Protein backbone atom coordinates (compact mmCIF):
# COMPACT_ATOMS: atom_id res chain seq x y z
CA MET A 1 53.31 59.36 116.23
CA PRO A 2 50.26 57.37 117.21
CA LYS A 3 51.46 54.68 119.55
CA ARG A 4 49.44 52.18 117.31
CA THR A 5 51.23 53.35 114.29
CA LEU A 6 54.80 53.09 115.70
CA LEU A 7 54.26 49.62 117.08
CA THR A 8 52.98 48.78 113.94
CA CYS A 9 56.17 50.10 112.46
CA ILE A 10 58.27 48.32 114.84
CA VAL A 11 56.81 44.81 113.78
CA LEU A 12 57.40 45.69 110.24
CA ALA A 13 60.87 46.35 110.79
CA LEU A 14 61.59 42.94 112.78
CA LEU A 15 59.81 40.94 109.77
CA CYS A 16 62.36 42.65 107.49
CA LEU A 17 64.72 41.49 109.96
CA LEU A 18 63.47 38.18 110.44
CA ALA A 19 63.46 37.63 106.43
CA TYR A 20 66.89 39.03 105.81
CA ALA A 21 69.14 39.96 108.68
CA ARG A 22 70.89 36.51 108.85
CA SER A 23 72.15 37.75 104.64
CA LEU A 24 74.08 40.30 106.27
CA SER A 25 76.88 37.87 106.99
CA LEU A 26 77.16 37.43 103.19
CA PRO A 27 80.41 38.66 101.46
CA LEU A 28 79.87 41.24 98.53
CA LEU A 29 79.19 39.67 94.76
CA GLU A 30 80.57 40.42 91.29
CA ASP A 31 79.28 43.70 90.79
CA ASP A 32 79.36 45.17 93.95
CA TYR A 33 83.22 45.75 93.40
CA PHE A 34 82.56 47.53 90.31
CA ASN A 35 79.95 49.42 91.88
CA ILE A 36 81.86 50.81 94.80
CA TRP A 37 84.95 51.21 92.75
CA ALA A 38 82.70 53.72 90.02
CA ALA A 39 81.12 55.34 93.25
CA ARG A 40 84.12 56.15 94.91
CA HIS A 41 84.89 58.17 91.59
CA TYR A 42 81.46 59.26 91.24
CA GLY A 43 79.87 59.60 94.41
CA SER A 44 81.88 62.64 95.64
CA TRP A 45 81.17 66.22 95.08
CA ALA A 46 84.16 66.64 92.58
CA GLY A 47 83.19 63.79 90.74
CA PHE A 48 79.85 64.81 89.82
CA PRO A 49 80.71 66.68 86.48
CA ALA A 50 82.28 63.31 85.33
CA MET A 51 79.39 61.27 86.32
CA LEU A 52 76.70 63.74 84.23
CA HIS A 53 78.83 62.84 81.03
CA ASP A 54 78.93 58.96 81.79
CA ASP A 55 75.92 57.56 79.54
CA VAL A 56 74.84 54.98 82.45
CA ALA A 57 75.91 56.56 85.74
CA ARG A 58 73.75 59.68 85.22
CA THR A 59 70.79 57.77 85.68
CA ARG A 60 71.60 55.71 88.51
CA ALA A 61 73.23 59.11 90.19
CA THR A 62 71.26 58.16 93.66
CA VAL A 63 73.13 54.78 93.61
CA HIS A 64 76.32 56.51 93.30
CA TRP A 65 75.80 58.81 96.34
CA THR A 66 74.43 55.86 98.78
CA ILE A 67 77.21 53.77 98.02
CA TYR A 68 79.98 56.69 98.33
CA LEU A 69 78.40 57.92 101.91
CA VAL A 70 78.84 54.33 102.86
CA TRP A 71 81.76 53.76 102.04
CA LYS A 72 83.53 57.33 103.34
CA PHE A 73 82.24 56.80 106.73
CA PHE A 74 82.78 52.80 107.01
CA GLY A 75 85.29 51.95 104.35
CA PHE A 76 85.56 48.76 102.69
CA ALA A 77 83.12 46.86 105.18
CA PRO A 78 80.72 44.43 103.45
CA ARG A 79 78.39 44.25 106.28
CA ALA A 80 78.09 48.27 106.32
CA PHE A 81 76.98 48.04 102.86
CA ARG A 82 74.12 45.47 103.31
CA ILE A 83 72.91 47.13 106.40
CA SER A 84 72.40 49.96 104.11
CA SER A 85 70.51 47.78 101.46
CA LEU A 86 68.19 46.29 104.58
CA ILE A 87 67.59 49.99 105.92
CA LEU A 88 66.15 50.79 102.68
CA HIS A 89 64.10 47.86 102.44
CA ILE A 90 62.76 48.83 106.05
CA LEU A 91 62.08 52.11 104.83
CA ASP A 92 60.09 51.17 101.57
CA THR A 93 58.18 48.86 103.55
CA TRP A 94 57.06 51.69 105.96
CA LEU A 95 56.34 53.27 102.75
CA LEU A 96 54.19 51.09 101.25
CA TYR A 97 52.49 50.96 104.48
CA ALA A 98 51.82 54.63 104.37
CA ILE A 99 50.48 54.27 100.52
CA GLY A 100 48.07 51.52 101.66
CA LEU A 101 46.88 53.95 104.74
CA ALA A 102 46.50 56.90 102.10
CA TRP A 103 45.12 54.96 99.31
CA THR A 104 41.42 54.49 100.22
CA ARG A 105 41.06 51.65 97.79
CA MET A 106 43.86 49.69 99.70
CA ARG A 107 43.56 51.31 103.30
CA PRO A 108 41.84 48.22 104.90
CA ALA A 109 44.77 45.95 103.48
CA ALA A 110 47.73 48.48 104.25
CA PHE A 111 49.14 46.48 107.40
CA TRP A 112 49.10 42.54 105.60
CA ALA A 113 50.46 44.23 102.15
CA ALA A 114 53.43 45.71 104.14
CA ALA A 115 53.69 42.63 106.45
CA PHE A 116 54.14 40.44 103.24
CA PHE A 117 56.25 42.97 101.50
CA ALA A 118 58.44 42.62 104.32
CA VAL A 119 59.16 38.84 104.13
CA TYR A 120 58.82 37.79 100.34
CA GLU A 121 61.37 35.91 98.77
CA GLY A 122 60.36 36.76 95.18
CA HIS A 123 62.27 40.00 95.05
CA GLN A 124 64.93 38.94 97.73
CA GLU A 125 68.02 39.98 94.96
CA ALA A 126 67.22 43.32 95.41
CA ILE A 127 68.34 43.09 99.07
CA MET A 128 70.88 40.48 99.31
CA TRP A 129 72.55 41.54 96.61
CA PHE A 130 73.93 45.00 96.90
CA SER A 131 74.12 46.13 93.69
CA GLY A 132 70.25 45.52 93.67
CA ASN A 133 69.97 48.62 95.58
CA ASN A 134 68.81 50.59 92.77
CA GLU A 135 65.41 48.93 92.81
CA LEU A 136 65.15 50.09 96.30
CA LEU A 137 66.39 53.48 95.62
CA LEU A 138 63.85 53.58 92.78
CA PHE A 139 60.65 52.58 95.05
CA LEU A 140 62.08 54.86 98.00
CA PHE A 141 61.67 57.99 95.95
CA GLY A 142 59.19 56.70 93.69
CA GLY A 143 57.15 56.06 96.24
CA ALA A 144 57.58 59.07 97.86
CA SER A 145 56.46 60.66 94.98
CA LEU A 146 52.97 58.29 94.72
CA LEU A 147 52.32 58.90 98.48
CA CYS A 148 52.55 62.94 97.81
CA TRP A 149 50.27 62.46 94.63
CA ILE A 150 47.49 60.69 96.54
CA LYS A 151 47.77 62.96 99.76
CA ALA A 152 47.34 65.72 97.03
CA ASN A 153 44.26 64.80 95.66
CA ALA A 154 43.07 64.30 99.50
CA HIS A 155 44.03 67.45 101.04
CA PRO A 156 43.45 70.59 99.39
CA ARG A 157 44.37 72.48 101.78
CA HIS A 158 48.26 71.19 101.10
CA GLU A 159 47.96 70.71 97.58
CA TRP A 160 50.84 72.45 95.93
CA THR A 161 53.07 71.82 98.82
CA LEU A 162 52.39 67.91 98.10
CA ARG A 163 53.01 68.52 94.42
CA ALA A 164 56.10 70.25 94.68
CA ALA A 165 57.81 67.50 97.09
CA GLY A 166 56.25 65.07 94.76
CA LEU A 167 57.75 66.50 91.99
CA LEU A 168 61.48 66.47 93.73
CA PHE A 169 61.10 63.12 94.83
CA PHE A 170 59.97 61.80 91.31
CA ALA A 171 63.08 63.66 89.95
CA LEU A 172 65.09 61.48 92.27
CA ALA A 173 63.63 58.34 91.02
CA LEU A 174 64.50 59.12 87.42
CA VAL A 175 67.99 59.26 88.81
CA SER A 176 68.04 56.43 90.63
CA LYS A 177 66.77 53.73 87.69
CA GLU A 178 66.36 54.18 83.81
CA SER A 179 62.77 52.37 84.35
CA ALA A 180 61.54 55.33 86.65
CA TYR A 181 59.27 56.44 83.78
CA ILE A 182 56.87 53.43 84.67
CA LEU A 183 55.44 54.97 87.72
CA LEU A 184 53.45 57.42 85.47
CA PRO A 185 50.57 54.87 84.94
CA LEU A 186 50.84 53.50 88.41
CA PHE A 187 49.99 57.56 89.11
CA LEU A 188 46.63 57.50 87.06
CA LEU A 189 46.12 53.57 88.67
CA THR A 190 46.02 55.45 92.37
CA THR A 191 43.74 58.26 91.39
CA PRO A 192 40.38 57.99 91.94
CA SER A 193 37.54 59.08 89.10
CA GLY A 194 36.41 62.69 88.88
CA ASP A 195 38.09 65.34 86.92
CA TRP A 196 40.57 63.16 84.85
CA ARG A 197 41.53 66.57 82.34
CA ARG A 198 42.61 68.25 85.78
CA LYS A 199 44.81 65.39 86.92
CA LEU A 200 46.33 64.63 83.34
CA ALA A 201 47.29 68.51 83.70
CA HIS A 202 48.68 67.49 87.23
CA LEU A 203 50.73 64.74 85.86
CA ALA A 204 52.27 66.77 82.95
CA PRO A 205 55.30 67.80 84.93
CA TYR A 206 55.94 64.62 85.76
CA CYS A 207 55.62 63.47 82.14
CA ALA A 208 57.69 66.29 80.76
CA LEU A 209 60.89 65.33 83.44
CA ALA A 210 60.51 61.13 82.46
CA ALA A 211 60.25 62.30 78.91
CA VAL A 212 63.83 63.99 79.07
CA VAL A 213 65.54 60.91 81.00
CA ILE A 214 63.69 58.83 77.86
CA VAL A 215 65.35 60.81 75.57
CA SER A 216 68.84 60.88 76.80
CA VAL A 217 68.78 57.32 77.91
CA PHE A 218 67.60 56.72 73.98
CA ALA A 219 70.47 59.33 72.52
CA THR A 220 72.88 56.89 74.00
CA ARG A 221 71.69 53.40 72.35
CA GLY A 222 74.28 53.84 69.64
CA HIS A 223 76.99 53.36 72.37
CA SER A 224 75.59 52.10 75.47
CA PHE A 225 76.31 48.47 76.46
CA ARG A 226 72.80 49.16 78.32
CA PHE A 227 71.34 48.56 74.69
CA ALA A 228 73.76 45.61 73.57
CA ASP A 229 74.15 43.31 76.65
CA GLY A 230 70.29 42.21 76.51
CA SER A 231 68.64 44.36 78.87
CA PHE A 232 66.38 46.13 76.28
CA SER A 233 65.77 45.60 72.83
CA LEU A 234 62.62 46.39 70.66
CA HIS A 235 62.84 43.17 69.12
CA ALA A 236 62.22 41.42 72.63
CA PRO A 237 59.74 38.49 72.49
CA VAL A 238 57.64 40.78 75.47
CA TRP A 239 54.52 38.71 73.93
CA LEU A 240 56.31 35.90 75.95
CA THR A 241 58.29 37.59 78.90
CA LEU A 242 55.37 39.78 80.32
CA PRO A 243 52.77 37.34 80.89
CA ARG A 244 55.24 34.38 81.96
CA ASN A 245 56.58 36.95 84.89
CA PHE A 246 53.19 38.11 85.79
CA GLY A 247 52.39 34.33 86.44
CA ARG A 248 55.96 33.95 88.33
CA VAL A 249 54.62 36.62 90.47
CA LEU A 250 51.35 35.62 91.25
CA TRP A 251 52.73 31.92 92.00
CA PHE A 252 51.64 31.28 94.55
CA TRP A 253 50.52 33.50 97.01
CA GLY A 254 49.14 35.75 94.48
CA LEU A 255 47.19 32.71 92.96
CA LEU A 256 45.67 31.64 96.57
CA SER A 257 44.60 35.38 97.41
CA ALA A 258 43.44 35.73 93.55
CA ALA A 259 41.09 32.29 94.55
CA VAL A 260 39.66 33.74 97.82
CA LEU A 261 38.87 37.24 96.44
CA PHE A 262 37.31 35.96 93.21
CA LEU A 263 36.05 32.72 94.20
CA THR A 264 34.05 33.99 97.49
CA PRO A 265 30.84 35.97 97.49
CA ALA A 266 33.23 39.50 97.86
CA ALA A 267 32.02 42.66 97.07
CA ALA A 268 32.31 44.21 93.56
CA SER A 269 34.78 47.14 95.15
CA VAL A 270 36.93 44.35 96.60
CA ARG A 271 37.12 42.84 93.42
CA LYS A 272 37.83 46.08 91.44
CA SER A 273 40.72 46.85 94.08
CA ALA A 274 42.33 43.06 93.47
CA LEU A 275 42.42 43.85 89.68
CA VAL A 276 43.95 47.26 90.41
CA ALA A 277 46.41 45.35 92.38
CA MET A 278 47.05 42.89 89.75
CA ALA A 279 47.23 45.73 87.00
CA TRP A 280 50.03 47.17 89.60
CA ILE A 281 51.86 44.09 88.70
CA GLY A 282 51.76 43.69 85.09
CA ILE A 283 52.51 47.73 84.38
CA ALA A 284 55.83 47.42 86.47
CA LEU A 285 57.10 44.29 84.79
CA ILE A 286 56.73 45.88 81.10
CA PRO A 287 60.17 47.66 81.50
CA TYR A 288 61.67 44.54 82.17
CA SER A 289 59.85 42.92 79.56
CA PHE A 290 62.14 43.63 76.63
CA LEU A 291 65.14 41.19 77.88
CA THR A 292 66.91 39.03 75.08
CA TYR A 293 69.46 37.18 76.91
CA SER A 294 66.22 35.43 78.95
CA SER A 295 62.71 35.42 79.50
CA GLN A 296 62.71 35.14 82.96
CA ILE A 297 63.15 38.31 84.68
CA PRO A 298 65.87 38.61 87.46
CA SER A 299 64.17 38.62 90.92
CA ARG A 300 65.83 41.93 91.97
CA GLN A 301 63.64 43.48 88.78
CA LEU A 302 60.23 42.13 90.57
CA TYR A 303 60.42 44.66 93.62
CA LEU A 304 57.89 47.19 92.14
CA ALA A 305 55.73 44.59 90.68
CA SER A 306 55.95 42.90 94.24
CA VAL A 307 54.42 45.92 95.73
CA GLY A 308 51.07 45.22 93.74
CA LEU A 309 51.32 41.67 95.05
CA SER A 310 51.23 42.76 98.50
CA PHE A 311 48.44 44.75 97.98
CA LEU A 312 46.52 41.68 96.23
CA PHE A 313 47.56 39.30 99.66
CA GLY A 314 46.62 42.18 102.29
CA LEU A 315 42.85 42.37 100.24
CA ALA A 316 42.72 38.42 100.23
CA MET A 317 43.89 38.77 103.82
CA VAL A 318 40.91 41.00 104.97
CA ARG A 319 38.42 39.06 103.24
CA LEU A 320 39.57 35.72 104.81
CA LEU A 321 39.09 37.62 108.19
CA GLU A 322 35.59 38.30 107.03
CA ILE A 323 34.94 34.79 106.08
CA THR A 324 36.61 33.35 109.13
CA SER A 325 35.30 35.80 111.75
CA ALA A 326 34.37 33.13 114.24
CA ARG A 327 37.67 31.20 113.63
CA PRO A 328 40.22 34.06 113.68
CA TRP A 329 43.29 31.54 114.32
CA LEU A 330 42.51 30.39 110.24
CA ALA A 331 44.05 33.58 109.18
CA ALA A 332 46.34 33.72 111.92
CA LEU A 333 47.80 30.35 110.67
CA VAL A 334 47.87 31.65 106.92
CA MET A 335 49.69 34.42 108.15
CA LEU A 336 52.21 32.11 109.90
CA ALA A 337 52.51 29.28 106.84
CA MET A 338 53.13 32.74 104.80
CA ILE A 339 55.96 34.06 106.87
CA ALA A 340 57.44 30.79 107.29
CA HIS A 341 57.54 29.83 103.70
CA ASN A 342 59.18 32.99 102.91
CA VAL A 343 61.62 33.20 105.37
CA GLY A 344 62.48 29.36 105.44
CA TYR A 345 63.38 29.89 101.68
CA ILE A 346 65.13 33.03 101.58
CA TRP A 347 67.46 31.29 104.58
CA ILE A 348 67.67 27.72 103.23
CA LYS A 349 68.29 27.86 99.28
CA LYS A 350 68.74 31.73 98.54
CA GLN A 351 71.72 32.21 101.56
CA ARG A 352 73.56 29.18 100.17
CA GLN A 353 73.39 30.56 96.64
CA PHE A 354 74.28 33.46 97.40
CA ARG A 355 77.23 32.61 99.41
CA GLU A 356 77.98 30.10 96.38
CA ARG A 357 77.94 33.25 94.02
CA ALA A 358 80.66 35.18 96.31
CA GLU A 359 83.13 31.96 96.83
CA PRO A 360 85.41 32.76 93.75
CA PHE A 361 85.55 36.61 94.88
CA GLU A 362 86.76 35.92 98.09
CA GLU A 363 89.08 32.97 97.26
CA LEU A 364 90.91 35.61 94.73
CA ILE A 365 90.88 38.33 97.33
CA GLN A 366 92.66 35.94 99.98
CA ALA A 367 94.91 34.65 96.90
CA ALA A 368 96.07 38.39 96.33
CA ARG A 369 96.25 39.38 100.01
CA GLN A 370 98.87 36.06 100.21
CA THR A 371 100.62 37.14 97.16
CA ASP A 372 103.57 39.47 97.65
CA GLY A 373 104.09 40.03 93.38
CA THR A 374 102.19 39.00 90.39
CA LEU A 375 99.43 36.71 90.14
CA TRP A 376 98.71 34.56 86.91
CA VAL A 377 94.84 34.11 87.36
CA GLN A 378 94.01 31.40 85.11
CA CYS A 379 90.81 30.80 85.57
CA PHE A 380 87.99 32.87 86.58
CA PRO A 381 84.12 32.77 86.11
CA ARG A 382 83.77 36.51 85.25
CA HIS A 383 85.51 39.22 83.19
CA PRO A 384 89.17 40.00 84.08
CA SER A 385 87.47 43.72 84.88
CA ILE A 386 85.51 42.33 87.66
CA ALA A 387 88.71 40.79 89.30
CA GLU A 388 90.46 44.26 89.46
CA ALA A 389 87.56 45.89 90.67
CA ALA A 390 87.55 43.51 93.57
CA ILE A 391 91.33 43.51 94.42
CA PHE A 392 91.13 47.07 93.79
CA VAL A 393 88.24 47.87 96.46
CA ALA A 394 88.91 44.94 98.92
CA LEU A 395 92.75 45.60 99.16
CA ASP A 396 92.86 49.23 98.51
CA ARG A 397 95.40 48.73 96.04
CA TYR A 398 95.68 48.93 92.18
CA PRO A 399 95.40 45.29 90.40
CA SER A 400 98.64 45.78 88.32
CA ASN A 401 99.80 42.63 89.70
CA LEU A 402 97.05 40.57 88.12
CA ILE A 403 97.75 38.84 84.69
CA PHE A 404 95.24 36.83 82.72
CA THR A 405 97.14 35.46 79.91
CA PRO A 406 99.72 33.18 78.93
CA GLU A 407 101.56 36.17 76.75
CA GLN A 408 101.46 38.03 79.65
CA ALA A 409 102.60 35.49 82.03
CA ALA A 410 105.69 34.56 79.73
CA GLU A 411 106.60 38.59 79.80
CA ARG A 412 105.84 39.17 83.25
CA LYS A 413 107.07 35.77 85.20
CA PRO A 414 104.27 35.46 88.05
CA VAL A 415 104.96 34.51 91.20
CA ALA A 416 101.96 32.80 92.20
CA THR A 417 99.15 30.99 90.09
CA PHE A 418 95.18 31.08 90.87
CA CYS A 419 92.06 29.20 89.62
CA TYR A 420 89.14 28.68 90.53
CA HIS A 421 87.10 25.72 89.68
């Protein structure tokens, strides 16, 4: 690896650590316990057949494998699970940089885009909430597949090796999250003009794999909770959710970037690249715009869309350096302001919010640890199954001593009560 590339990767990793290393001290959150519980069953080789028969688990296989490996080597260690997410984010940041270098249109913007992606607060939940690691894995494998696609189009000598590797990575992306199919239009977005018939022929195997997964997911719509909890509905107000969240992603570094690119006399090719980056944002938001429980997409699901935002910012930084060539310190100030804004928001606001989200589980686990007998959980902000999973995972014991109703309390006579206000 050239020294310059190695130094760039070190700088990008340090930016990731600057933004998110503080979150390593956070406890685990609600769904983390349930997902660890499930992964201990599905993640092993012995649990593989059962995972294949689970409608939801089989499309998130890489998530279960990742969780199982962390648990196998480190046991119940919240910091180890959080470190695994931070490592995935660093790998994704390096991957974005590699995609930028390989993608001719975005090559000048590669470093600036990756630096923005490393510290961006808009997708913080994907890194700070361990259960958001499906988004990290989706981009890790989907981005690797996209990188192989770009390189295969540019290097005919290794074309078929790269296409085979890209297809394998795409298959792993499809079993990381159900929405991985949205990578297909992104493949076309990175394709240079030329023989489109040939490009579509090369995309056909990817489409076939995606079709298999899409059909298998829709075949479960009659009983899968994914179609009943508001996560996806064809009756959702997509016309409202998509543009609202497109604007949310652009605010406000995206809008500033667009202003630099469209309100200054930039070359037509630069503006076209900016439109491509904005198209990436819109495409990546589509699968998450079918929500019925909210018109605001959760921040963890903005992870893939933030790649397009990062390229938009990178292009603006290149343009800003051209405009201020006599005063490069202005561009340096913009970068420092961007880093300070995003890192400060994560450190000050999000760190506190995530700690507050973890409090009910920390207090319940502490109460159960100190109770030798039945514990009556009189009030708890989440479903009883989540409380049971927390006790099972954190204390490594079956939560049979937890009771949740007055009827159970009258029958089993609890020795202690717990209520979280």
